[in-house]
Amino acid sequence: MAEIIYKDPSKEVLVRIVNQLVFIRNETPFKTENGLIFETRYNFLPNTLIVCLNGLRQREGIDFDYVEEENKRFRFNYATVEDDEVVVDYIKVY
């Protein structure tokens, strides 16, 4: 949350900005278990996570490539290997 003080010669008004969006781009998430579960640095807003594996965008869903889990985690529906590069974009939750 940010606070801005707007100054006018006749008055002073405090304005609060409540909803700020912070976009996290090109983050390499932490691999936590068996190449399946990954964790981002920050909590992400549900349904804003974009996952790329070796430069290819992955599809979210139980029948596709990955599933979002609680807080900062997501799980691939198949195991990744050590040489795979995973990169994510998302909107950070405060």
PDB file of N, CA and C in Angstrom:
ATOM      1  N   MET A   1       0.844  -1.170   0.000  1.00  0.00           N
ATOM      2  CA  MET A   1       0.000   0.000   0.000  1.00  0.00           C
ATOM      3  C   MET A   1       0.889   1.232   0.000  1.00  0.00           C
ATOM      4  N   ALA A   2       0.549   2.175  -0.829  1.00  0.00           N
ATOM      5  CA  ALA A   2       1.329   3.399  -0.926  1.00  0.00           C
ATOM      6  C   ALA A   2       0.483   4.580  -0.472  1.00  0.00           C
ATOM      7  N   GLU A   3       1.143   5.557   0.051  1.00  0.00           N
ATOM      8  CA  GLU A   3       0.458   6.785   0.448  1.00  0.00           C
ATOM      9  C   GLU A   3       1.086   7.958  -0.291  1.00  0.00           C
ATOM     10  N   ILE A   4       0.247   8.801  -0.850  1.00  0.00           N
ATOM     11  CA  ILE A   4       0.707   9.981  -1.576  1.00  0.00           C
ATOM     12  C   ILE A   4       0.024  11.186  -0.957  1.00  0.00           C
ATOM     13  N   ILE A   5       0.775  12.199  -0.689  1.00  0.00           N
ATOM     14  CA  ILE A   5       0.190  13.432  -0.163  1.00  0.00           C
ATOM     15  C   ILE A   5       0.100  14.427  -1.310  1.00  0.00           C
ATOM     16  N   TYR A   6      -1.110  14.813  -1.604  1.00  0.00           N
ATOM     17  CA  TYR A   6      -1.362  15.777  -2.668  1.00  0.00           C
ATOM     18  C   TYR A   6      -1.445  17.145  -2.023  1.00  0.00           C
ATOM     19  N   LYS A   7      -0.594  18.043  -2.434  1.00  0.00           N
ATOM     20  CA  LYS A   7      -0.575  19.367  -1.818  1.00  0.00           C
ATOM     21  C   LYS A   7      -1.126  20.395  -2.794  1.00  0.00           C
ATOM     22  N   ASP A   8      -2.029  21.120  -2.302  1.00  0.00           N
ATOM     23  CA  ASP A   8      -2.644  22.218  -3.035  1.00  0.00           C
ATOM     24  C   ASP A   8      -2.533  23.438  -2.116  1.00  0.00           C
ATOM     25  N   PRO A   9      -2.350  24.619  -2.639  1.00  0.00           N
ATOM     26  CA  PRO A   9      -2.215  25.785  -1.749  1.00  0.00           C
ATOM     27  C   PRO A   9      -3.359  25.932  -0.754  1.00  0.00           C
ATOM     28  N   SER A  10      -4.556  25.478  -1.121  1.00  0.00           N
ATOM     29  CA  SER A  10      -5.698  25.658  -0.235  1.00  0.00           C
ATOM     30  C   SER A  10      -5.980  24.442   0.655  1.00  0.00           C
ATOM     31  N   LYS A  11      -5.418  23.277   0.295  1.00  0.00           N
ATOM     32  CA  LYS A  11      -5.709  22.079   1.096  1.00  0.00           C
ATOM     33  C   LYS A  11      -4.612  21.043   0.931  1.00  0.00           C
ATOM     34  N   GLU A  12      -4.597  20.087   1.848  1.00  0.00           N
ATOM     35  CA  GLU A  12      -3.668  18.962   1.784  1.00  0.00           C
ATOM     36  C   GLU A  12      -4.490  17.687   1.934  1.00  0.00           C
ATOM     37  N   VAL A  13      -4.373  16.766   0.972  1.00  0.00           N
ATOM     38  CA  VAL A  13      -5.188  15.561   0.953  1.00  0.00           C
ATOM     39  C   VAL A  13      -4.271  14.337   0.928  1.00  0.00           C
ATOM     40  N   LEU A  14      -4.570  13.372   1.785  1.00  0.00           N
ATOM     41  CA  LEU A  14      -3.846  12.114   1.802  1.00  0.00           C
ATOM     42  C   LEU A  14      -4.610  11.117   0.931  1.00  0.00           C
ATOM     43  N   VAL A  15      -3.924  10.552  -0.049  1.00  0.00           N
ATOM     44  CA  VAL A  15      -4.540   9.586  -0.958  1.00  0.00           C
ATOM     45  C   VAL A  15      -3.875   8.237  -0.709  1.00  0.00           C
ATOM     46  N   ARG A  16      -4.658   7.216  -0.552  1.00  0.00           N
ATOM     47  CA  ARG A  16      -4.117   5.865  -0.360  1.00  0.00           C
ATOM     48  C   ARG A  16      -4.389   5.031  -1.604  1.00  0.00           C
ATOM     49  N   ILE A  17      -3.355   4.391  -2.089  1.00  0.00           N
ATOM     50  CA  ILE A  17      -3.487   3.475  -3.210  1.00  0.00           C
ATOM     51  C   ILE A  17      -3.497   2.081  -2.611  1.00  0.00           C
ATOM     52  N   VAL A  18      -4.625   1.402  -2.724  1.00  0.00           N
ATOM     53  CA  VAL A  18      -4.785   0.135  -2.042  1.00  0.00           C
ATOM     54  C   VAL A  18      -4.415  -1.042  -2.944  1.00  0.00           C
ATOM     55  N   ASN A  19      -4.838  -1.010  -4.172  1.00  0.00           N
ATOM     56  CA  ASN A  19      -4.613  -2.137  -5.071  1.00  0.00           C
ATOM     57  C   ASN A  19      -3.481  -1.842  -6.035  1.00  0.00           C
ATOM     58  N   GLN A  20      -2.320  -2.340  -5.718  1.00  0.00           N
ATOM     59  CA  GLN A  20      -1.180  -2.219  -6.611  1.00  0.00           C
ATOM     60  C   GLN A  20      -0.873  -3.599  -7.165  1.00  0.00           C
ATOM     61  N   LEU A  21      -0.571  -3.665  -8.442  1.00  0.00           N
ATOM     62  CA  LEU A  21      -0.183  -4.924  -9.050  1.00  0.00           C
ATOM     63  C   LEU A  21       1.314  -4.909  -9.298  1.00  0.00           C
ATOM     64  N   VAL A  22       1.970  -5.955  -8.871  1.00  0.00           N
ATOM     65  CA  VAL A  22       3.396  -6.097  -9.112  1.00  0.00           C
ATOM     66  C   VAL A  22       3.572  -7.357  -9.960  1.00  0.00           C
ATOM     67  N   PHE A  23       4.088  -7.167 -11.170  1.00  0.00           N
ATOM     68  CA  PHE A  23       4.305  -8.270 -12.090  1.00  0.00           C
ATOM     69  C   PHE A  23       5.723  -8.804 -11.902  1.00  0.00           C
ATOM     70  N   ILE A  24       5.831 -10.086 -11.649  1.00  0.00           N
ATOM     71  CA  ILE A  24       7.128 -10.753 -11.553  1.00  0.00           C
ATOM     72  C   ILE A  24       7.339 -11.472 -12.883  1.00  0.00           C
ATOM     73  N   ARG A  25       8.471 -11.212 -13.526  1.00  0.00           N
ATOM     74  CA  ARG A  25       8.727 -11.803 -14.844  1.00  0.00           C
ATOM     75  C   ARG A  25      10.063 -12.532 -14.860  1.00  0.00           C
ATOM     76  N   ASN A  26      10.087 -13.620 -15.610  1.00  0.00           N
ATOM     77  CA  ASN A  26      11.305 -14.407 -15.844  1.00  0.00           C
ATOM     78  C   ASN A  26      11.984 -14.873 -14.561  1.00  0.00           C
ATOM     79  N   GLU A  27      11.185 -15.288 -13.603  1.00  0.00           N
ATOM     80  CA  GLU A  27      11.743 -15.831 -12.355  1.00  0.00           C
ATOM     81  C   GLU A  27      12.010 -17.328 -12.517  1.00  0.00           C
ATOM     82  N   THR A  28      13.125 -17.778 -12.002  1.00  0.00           N
ATOM     83  CA  THR A  28      13.417 -19.208 -11.957  1.00  0.00           C
ATOM     84  C   THR A  28      12.949 -19.724 -10.598  1.00  0.00           C
ATOM     85  N   PRO A  29      11.892 -20.558 -10.573  1.00  0.00           N
ATOM     86  CA  PRO A  29      11.382 -21.035  -9.292  1.00  0.00           C
ATOM     87  C   PRO A  29      12.291 -22.106  -8.686  1.00  0.00           C
ATOM     88  N   PHE A  30      12.105 -22.346  -7.394  1.00  0.00           N
ATOM     89  CA  PHE A  30      12.877 -23.355  -6.680  1.00  0.00           C
ATOM     90  C   PHE A  30      12.243 -24.724  -6.880  1.00  0.00           C
ATOM     91  N   LYS A  31      13.055 -25.722  -7.205  1.00  0.00           N
ATOM     92  CA  LYS A  31      12.570 -27.101  -7.332  1.00  0.00           C
ATOM     93  C   LYS A  31      12.560 -27.704  -5.933  1.00  0.00           C
ATOM     94  N   THR A  32      11.412 -28.253  -5.509  1.00  0.00           N
ATOM     95  CA  THR A  32      11.316 -28.740  -4.146  1.00  0.00           C
ATOM     96  C   THR A  32      11.299 -30.253  -4.020  1.00  0.00           C
ATOM     97  N   GLU A  33      10.598 -30.955  -4.890  1.00  0.00           N
ATOM     98  CA  GLU A  33      10.486 -32.411  -4.732  1.00  0.00           C
ATOM     99  C   GLU A  33      10.486 -33.118  -6.078  1.00  0.00           C
ATOM    100  N   ASN A  34      11.358 -34.052  -6.261  1.00  0.00           N
ATOM    101  CA  ASN A  34      11.344 -34.989  -7.378  1.00  0.00           C
ATOM    102  C   ASN A  34      11.141 -34.356  -8.762  1.00  0.00           C
ATOM    103  N   GLY A  35      11.445 -33.106  -8.925  1.00  0.00           N
ATOM    104  CA  GLY A  35      11.252 -32.460 -10.213  1.00  0.00           C
ATOM    105  C   GLY A  35       9.794 -32.218 -10.550  1.00  0.00           C
ATOM    106  N   LEU A  36       8.902 -32.390  -9.574  1.00  0.00           N
ATOM    107  CA  LEU A  36       7.477 -32.185  -9.807  1.00  0.00           C
ATOM    108  C   LEU A  36       6.969 -30.882  -9.213  1.00  0.00           C
ATOM    109  N   ILE A  37       7.354 -30.586  -7.982  1.00  0.00           N
ATOM    110  CA  ILE A  37       6.827 -29.417  -7.271  1.00  0.00           C
ATOM    111  C   ILE A  37       7.851 -28.293  -7.276  1.00  0.00           C
ATOM    112  N   PHE A  38       7.376 -27.102  -7.653  1.00  0.00           N
ATOM    113  CA  PHE A  38       8.212 -25.911  -7.699  1.00  0.00           C
ATOM    114  C   PHE A  38       7.589 -24.832  -6.824  1.00  0.00           C
ATOM    115  N   GLU A  39       8.432 -23.916  -6.354  1.00  0.00           N
ATOM    116  CA  GLU A  39       7.965 -22.833  -5.491  1.00  0.00           C
ATOM    117  C   GLU A  39       8.512 -21.509  -5.984  1.00  0.00           C
ATOM    118  N   THR A  40       7.625 -20.524  -6.085  1.00  0.00           N
ATOM    119  CA  THR A  40       8.035 -19.185  -6.502  1.00  0.00           C
ATOM    120  C   THR A  40       8.550 -18.403  -5.296  1.00  0.00           C
ATOM    121  N   ARG A  41       9.209 -17.312  -5.553  1.00  0.00           N
ATOM    122  CA  ARG A  41       9.753 -16.484  -4.473  1.00  0.00           C
ATOM    123  C   ARG A  41       8.640 -15.825  -3.659  1.00  0.00           C
ATOM    124  N   TYR A  42       7.575 -15.388  -4.335  1.00  0.00           N
ATOM    125  CA  TYR A  42       6.464 -14.704  -3.681  1.00  0.00           C
ATOM    126  C   TYR A  42       5.170 -15.468  -3.929  1.00  0.00           C
ATOM    127  N   ASN A  43       4.171 -15.222  -3.085  1.00  0.00           N
ATOM    128  CA  ASN A  43       2.835 -15.750  -3.354  1.00  0.00           C
ATOM    129  C   ASN A  43       2.321 -15.118  -4.638  1.00  0.00           C
ATOM    130  N   PHE A  44       1.614 -15.894  -5.440  1.00  0.00           N
ATOM    131  CA  PHE A  44       1.063 -15.347  -6.687  1.00  0.00           C
ATOM    132  C   PHE A  44      -0.458 -15.325  -6.635  1.00  0.00           C
ATOM    133  N   LEU A  45      -1.023 -14.363  -7.356  1.00  0.00           N
ATOM    134  CA  LEU A  45      -2.463 -14.248  -7.483  1.00  0.00           C
ATOM    135  C   LEU A  45      -2.958 -15.450  -8.276  1.00  0.00           C
ATOM    136  N   PRO A  46      -3.950 -16.189  -7.774  1.00  0.00           N
ATOM    137  CA  PRO A  46      -4.426 -17.367  -8.498  1.00  0.00           C
ATOM    138  C   PRO A  46      -4.791 -17.032  -9.948  1.00  0.00           C
ATOM    139  N   ASN A  47      -4.491 -17.945 -10.817  1.00  0.00           N
ATOM    140  CA  ASN A  47      -4.784 -17.847 -12.256  1.00  0.00           C
ATOM    141  C   ASN A  47      -3.967 -16.795 -12.987  1.00  0.00           C
ATOM    142  N   THR A  48      -2.880 -16.307 -12.397  1.00  0.00           N
ATOM    143  CA  THR A  48      -1.996 -15.381 -13.109  1.00  0.00           C
ATOM    144  C   THR A  48      -0.651 -16.010 -13.432  1.00  0.00           C
ATOM    145  N   LEU A  49      -0.423 -17.227 -12.963  1.00  0.00           N
ATOM    146  CA  LEU A  49       0.855 -17.907 -13.158  1.00  0.00           C
ATOM    147  C   LEU A  49       1.009 -18.349 -14.610  1.00  0.00           C
ATOM    148  N   ILE A  50       2.141 -18.021 -15.206  1.00  0.00           N
ATOM    149  CA  ILE A  50       2.505 -18.484 -16.540  1.00  0.00           C
ATOM    150  C   ILE A  50       3.804 -19.259 -16.394  1.00  0.00           C
ATOM    151  N   VAL A  51       3.787 -20.520 -16.806  1.00  0.00           N
ATOM    152  CA  VAL A  51       4.940 -21.401 -16.649  1.00  0.00           C
ATOM    153  C   VAL A  51       5.502 -21.746 -18.021  1.00  0.00           C
ATOM    154  N   CYS A  52       6.812 -21.602 -18.165  1.00  0.00           N
ATOM    155  CA  CYS A  52       7.504 -22.002 -19.398  1.00  0.00           C
ATOM    156  C   CYS A  52       8.542 -23.061 -19.055  1.00  0.00           C
ATOM    157  N   LEU A  53       8.560 -24.126 -19.829  1.00  0.00           N
ATOM    158  CA  LEU A  53       9.529 -25.197 -19.664  1.00  0.00           C
ATOM    159  C   LEU A  53      10.366 -25.266 -20.925  1.00  0.00           C
ATOM    160  N   ASN A  54      11.667 -24.999 -20.770  1.00  0.00           N
ATOM    161  CA  ASN A  54      12.594 -24.986 -21.912  1.00  0.00           C
ATOM    162  C   ASN A  54      12.107 -24.064 -23.033  1.00  0.00           C
ATOM    163  N   GLY A  55      11.557 -22.910 -22.630  1.00  0.00           N
ATOM    164  CA  GLY A  55      11.122 -21.903 -23.593  1.00  0.00           C
ATOM    165  C   GLY A  55       9.732 -22.102 -24.150  1.00  0.00           C
ATOM    166  N   LEU A  56       9.038 -23.160 -23.762  1.00  0.00           N
ATOM    167  CA  LEU A  56       7.691 -23.425 -24.263  1.00  0.00           C
ATOM    168  C   LEU A  56       6.672 -23.198 -23.161  1.00  0.00           C
ATOM    169  N   ARG A  57       5.661 -22.385 -23.467  1.00  0.00           N
ATOM    170  CA  ARG A  57       4.618 -22.110 -22.486  1.00  0.00           C
ATOM    171  C   ARG A  57       3.821 -23.383 -22.213  1.00  0.00           C
ATOM    172  N   GLN A  58       3.563 -23.630 -20.925  1.00  0.00           N
ATOM    173  CA  GLN A  58       2.846 -24.815 -20.502  1.00  0.00           C
ATOM    174  C   GLN A  58       1.381 -24.483 -20.232  1.00  0.00           C
ATOM    175  N   ARG A  59       0.518 -25.496 -20.311  1.00  0.00           N
ATOM    176  CA  ARG A  59      -0.912 -25.299 -20.062  1.00  0.00           C
ATOM    177  C   ARG A  59      -1.267 -25.750 -18.649  1.00  0.00           C
ATOM    178  N   GLU A  60      -2.107 -24.952 -17.979  1.00  0.00           N
ATOM    179  CA  GLU A  60      -2.512 -25.241 -16.614  1.00  0.00           C
ATOM    180  C   GLU A  60      -3.727 -26.170 -16.628  1.00  0.00           C
ATOM    181  N   GLY A  61      -3.728 -27.151 -15.733  1.00  0.00           N
ATOM    182  CA  GLY A  61      -4.874 -28.045 -15.588  1.00  0.00           C
ATOM    183  C   GLY A  61      -4.438 -29.462 -15.309  1.00  0.00           C
ATOM    184  N   ILE A  62      -5.296 -30.208 -14.670  1.00  0.00           N
ATOM    185  CA  ILE A  62      -4.987 -31.582 -14.295  1.00  0.00           C
ATOM    186  C   ILE A  62      -4.743 -32.464 -15.518  1.00  0.00           C
ATOM    187  N   ASP A  63      -5.379 -32.150 -16.624  1.00  0.00           N
ATOM    188  CA  ASP A  63      -5.203 -32.933 -17.850  1.00  0.00           C
ATOM    189  C   ASP A  63      -4.107 -32.380 -18.750  1.00  0.00           C
ATOM    190  N   PHE A  64      -3.433 -31.327 -18.311  1.00  0.00           N
ATOM    191  CA  PHE A  64      -2.409 -30.696 -19.142  1.00  0.00           C
ATOM    192  C   PHE A  64      -1.033 -30.784 -18.481  1.00  0.00           C
ATOM    193  N   ASP A  65      -0.319 -29.656 -18.342  1.00  0.00           N
ATOM    194  CA  ASP A  65       1.084 -29.698 -17.927  1.00  0.00           C
ATOM    195  C   ASP A  65       1.347 -29.471 -16.439  1.00  0.00           C
ATOM    196  N   TYR A  66       0.601 -28.560 -15.810  1.00  0.00           N
ATOM    197  CA  TYR A  66       0.861 -28.246 -14.398  1.00  0.00           C
ATOM    198  C   TYR A  66      -0.417 -27.826 -13.702  1.00  0.00           C
ATOM    199  N   VAL A  67      -0.368 -27.840 -12.362  1.00  0.00           N
ATOM    200  CA  VAL A  67      -1.505 -27.433 -11.536  1.00  0.00           C
ATOM    201  C   VAL A  67      -1.003 -26.466 -10.476  1.00  0.00           C
ATOM    202  N   GLU A  68      -1.726 -25.358 -10.290  1.00  0.00           N
ATOM    203  CA  GLU A  68      -1.391 -24.422  -9.210  1.00  0.00           C
ATOM    204  C   GLU A  68      -1.796 -25.055  -7.883  1.00  0.00           C
ATOM    205  N   GLU A  69      -0.941 -24.892  -6.881  1.00  0.00           N
ATOM    206  CA  GLU A  69      -1.253 -25.375  -5.546  1.00  0.00           C
ATOM    207  C   GLU A  69      -1.336 -24.186  -4.599  1.00  0.00           C
ATOM    208  N   GLU A  70      -1.389 -24.439  -3.308  1.00  0.00           N
ATOM    209  CA  GLU A  70      -1.508 -23.371  -2.318  1.00  0.00           C
ATOM    210  C   GLU A  70      -0.264 -22.489  -2.291  1.00  0.00           C
ATOM    211  N   ASN A  71      -0.486 -21.223  -1.944  1.00  0.00           N
ATOM    212  CA  ASN A  71       0.571 -20.241  -1.732  1.00  0.00           C
ATOM    213  C   ASN A  71       1.477 -20.100  -2.939  1.00  0.00           C
ATOM    214  N   LYS A  72       2.737 -20.451  -2.794  1.00  0.00           N
ATOM    215  CA  LYS A  72       3.748 -20.175  -3.812  1.00  0.00           C
ATOM    216  C   LYS A  72       4.086 -21.401  -4.651  1.00  0.00           C
ATOM    217  N   ARG A  73       3.281 -22.427  -4.616  1.00  0.00           N
ATOM    218  CA  ARG A  73       3.666 -23.694  -5.234  1.00  0.00           C
ATOM    219  C   ARG A  73       2.830 -24.038  -6.466  1.00  0.00           C
ATOM    220  N   PHE A  74       3.483 -24.761  -7.382  1.00  0.00           N
ATOM    221  CA  PHE A  74       2.781 -25.398  -8.486  1.00  0.00           C
ATOM    222  C   PHE A  74       3.443 -26.733  -8.750  1.00  0.00           C
ATOM    223  N   ARG A  75       2.684 -27.634  -9.356  1.00  0.00           N
ATOM    224  CA  ARG A  75       3.158 -29.007  -9.558  1.00  0.00           C
ATOM    225  C   ARG A  75       3.006 -29.395 -11.018  1.00  0.00           C
ATOM    226  N   PHE A  76       4.091 -29.895 -11.595  1.00  0.00           N
ATOM    227  CA  PHE A  76       4.024 -30.449 -12.942  1.00  0.00           C
ATOM    228  C   PHE A  76       3.312 -31.799 -12.880  1.00  0.00           C
ATOM    229  N   ASN A  77       2.613 -32.132 -13.936  1.00  0.00           N
ATOM    230  CA  ASN A  77       1.919 -33.417 -14.010  1.00  0.00           C
ATOM    231  C   ASN A  77       2.833 -34.530 -14.512  1.00  0.00           C
ATOM    232  N   TYR A  78       4.088 -34.189 -14.749  1.00  0.00           N
ATOM    233  CA  TYR A  78       5.106 -35.154 -15.157  1.00  0.00           C
ATOM    234  C   TYR A  78       6.434 -34.661 -14.598  1.00  0.00           C
ATOM    235  N   ALA A  79       7.367 -35.563 -14.422  1.00  0.00           N
ATOM    236  CA  ALA A  79       8.658 -35.193 -13.824  1.00  0.00           C
ATOM    237  C   ALA A  79       9.515 -34.414 -14.816  1.00  0.00           C
ATOM    238  N   THR A  80      10.206 -33.406 -14.305  1.00  0.00           N
ATOM    239  CA  THR A  80      11.181 -32.681 -15.108  1.00  0.00           C
ATOM    240  C   THR A  80      12.554 -33.288 -14.834  1.00  0.00           C
ATOM    241  N   VAL A  81      13.496 -32.998 -15.701  1.00  0.00           N
ATOM    242  CA  VAL A  81      14.853 -33.506 -15.494  1.00  0.00           C
ATOM    243  C   VAL A  81      15.758 -32.357 -15.082  1.00  0.00           C
ATOM    244  N   GLU A  82      16.934 -32.670 -14.624  1.00  0.00           N
ATOM    245  CA  GLU A  82      17.848 -31.669 -14.073  1.00  0.00           C
ATOM    246  C   GLU A  82      18.191 -30.555 -15.068  1.00  0.00           C
ATOM    247  N   ASP A  83      18.319 -30.884 -16.348  1.00  0.00           N
ATOM    248  CA  ASP A  83      18.700 -29.900 -17.355  1.00  0.00           C
ATOM    249  C   ASP A  83      17.542 -29.014 -17.821  1.00  0.00           C
ATOM    250  N   ASP A  84      16.316 -29.324 -17.424  1.00  0.00           N
ATOM    251  CA  ASP A  84      15.165 -28.523 -17.838  1.00  0.00           C
ATOM    252  C   ASP A  84      15.238 -27.128 -17.230  1.00  0.00           C
ATOM    253  N   GLU A  85      14.855 -26.147 -18.012  1.00  0.00           N
ATOM    254  CA  GLU A  85      14.815 -24.763 -17.531  1.00  0.00           C
ATOM    255  C   GLU A  85      13.359 -24.350 -17.349  1.00  0.00           C
ATOM    256  N   VAL A  86      13.001 -24.003 -16.116  1.00  0.00           N
ATOM    257  CA  VAL A  86      11.644 -23.562 -15.798  1.00  0.00           C
ATOM    258  C   VAL A  86      11.693 -22.080 -15.464  1.00  0.00           C
ATOM    259  N   VAL A  87      10.827 -21.310 -16.121  1.00  0.00           N
ATOM    260  CA  VAL A  87      10.736 -19.867 -15.897  1.00  0.00           C
ATOM    261  C   VAL A  87       9.262 -19.528 -15.723  1.00  0.00           C
ATOM    262  N   VAL A  88       8.968 -18.617 -14.781  1.00  0.00           N
ATOM    263  CA  VAL A  88       7.574 -18.254 -14.516  1.00  0.00           C
ATOM    264  C   VAL A  88       7.378 -16.737 -14.526  1.00  0.00           C
ATOM    265  N   ASP A  89       6.153 -16.335 -14.849  1.00  0.00           N
ATOM    266  CA  ASP A  89       5.671 -14.966 -14.721  1.00  0.00           C
ATOM    267  C   ASP A  89       4.405 -15.050 -13.878  1.00  0.00           C
ATOM    268  N   TYR A  90       4.141 -14.022 -13.054  1.00  0.00           N
ATOM    269  CA  TYR A  90       2.930 -14.014 -12.247  1.00  0.00           C
ATOM    270  C   TYR A  90       2.726 -12.630 -11.640  1.00  0.00           C
ATOM    271  N   ILE A  91       1.546 -12.445 -11.059  1.00  0.00           N
ATOM    272  CA  ILE A  91       1.262 -11.222 -10.306  1.00  0.00           C
ATOM    273  C   ILE A  91       1.451 -11.553  -8.830  1.00  0.00           C
ATOM    274  N   LYS A  92       2.256 -10.764  -8.165  1.00  0.00           N
ATOM    275  CA  LYS A  92       2.600 -10.971  -6.755  1.00  0.00           C
ATOM    276  C   LYS A  92       1.424 -10.565  -5.857  1.00  0.00           C
ATOM    277  N   VAL A  93       1.201 -11.385  -4.821  1.00  0.00           N
ATOM    278  CA  VAL A  93       0.194 -11.074  -3.810  1.00  0.00           C
ATOM    279  C   VAL A  93       0.899 -10.529  -2.584  1.00  0.00           C
ATOM    280  N   TYR A  94       0.352  -9.502  -1.984  1.00  0.00           N
ATOM    281  CA  TYR A  94       0.937  -8.933  -0.764  1.00  0.00           C
ATOM    282  C   TYR A  94       0.415  -9.632   0.445  1.00  0.00           C
TER     283      TYR A  94
END
